[in-house]
Amino acid sequence: MQSCRTLLVAVVVLGFAALVAGTGKGEEPSAKKAQSATPDTRKRVEVPEGGVKEMLAFIEEMNKNKPGTVPGSYAAMRKATERIVRLATEEDKKLPGYNDAIGMHFRFRTTDAVKSAAARIKLRDDLKTYFAETAEPSDHAFSAARSLCGILEYGENPRGAIPLYRELGAALARHDDERAAKVGRRLLGTARRLGLIGESLEISGTRIDGTKFDWEKLRGKVVLVDFWATWCTPCTKEFPHIKRHYEQYHDKGFEVVGISVDEDRQALDTYLAKETIPWVTLHDGGFEDSPLAIDYGLSGIPTTLLVDRQGTVVSLDARGDELDRKLAELLGPAEN
């Protein structure tokens, strides 16, 4: 994994939009920065003449040259995908690269979806049709589906994203292609996680020592469920804060369940041998394959869930000040 929030899709979409929206030329949005920067004398990318074959060849060449490093590259690629959609015949649809170009076109359309509810609805419907009709959907289309949901999830009303996650998740979860079905299960898991406030939580898994974890033993406790990995700096930086609360509130009934999504088990074992982690740690696979990561639709880490004494989820992001407030609310003043 390259970063802890690999799929902060709304942020990604908005950043992507800054490159291709507005003038459509990928300029720095700040005029002040543009004036102070060294003038870029490189020739702006333009879409060549031609049909679907030429557009596919153009996109392939652009992908080799790191699109985004040359002015106008994203805008040109978007125009190329639009031309492909408009001109493609049934024979063209069999050409190498066609499916990826269609998926890329969906990704470009997420920039419109940031601004327009109508664009979001149209993109949702087109994605569902594409997933239903395509034997092996493009990774770009998966990214577009995640990004479309993320526009709502990371907006003002995260719960408003739940129906969209469910719709697209269901469309993919029943797909014959296992990659698509796996993405669908994770989208359905995200819908489940976003709807957990006020609901009960059940966690199962395997402890580091290989024994099965028993959630029932924590009944009546306030429990922080923390999804993390050794490669996630924000995760490990939060540990001293969690440890402090563990020491202050443990005797009052506070417990922590850490769920590692490390791909490298040796790295996890080495970390735990070096660091003192007083709470239980579970590990059943990496970020992409952990059953719990899929069941609760992790789009990035750290992800935390806080459960009260009744076993009800009371927070989906109990970190930092939020954790301070919630523990004081649920367990009273901290022990010094």
Foldseek 3Di string as FASTA:
>chain_A
DPAQQQPLLQVVLVVVLCQQPDVGWGDDPDPVVVVPDDDDPDDGDAADDDALVSLQVVVVVCVVVPPSPGTNRLSRNLVSLVRCVVGPDPVSCPDPRNQVSVLQNLSVLLSVLLPDVVSLVVSLVVLLVCLVPDQDHDPSNLSSLSNSLSSCCPDPHNLVSLVSLLSCLVSQLPHPDPVSNLSSLLSNLQSVQVPQAQHFDDDWFAFPVGDIDDPVVLAQAKEKEWEEEPVHVVRVVQVVVVVVQCVFCVVLGYAYEYEYQDQDVVVVVVVCVVDPDPHTYGYDYHCSDPPNNSNNNDSGDGWMWIAANNRGTNDGRCTDPNVVVVCCVRRNDTHD
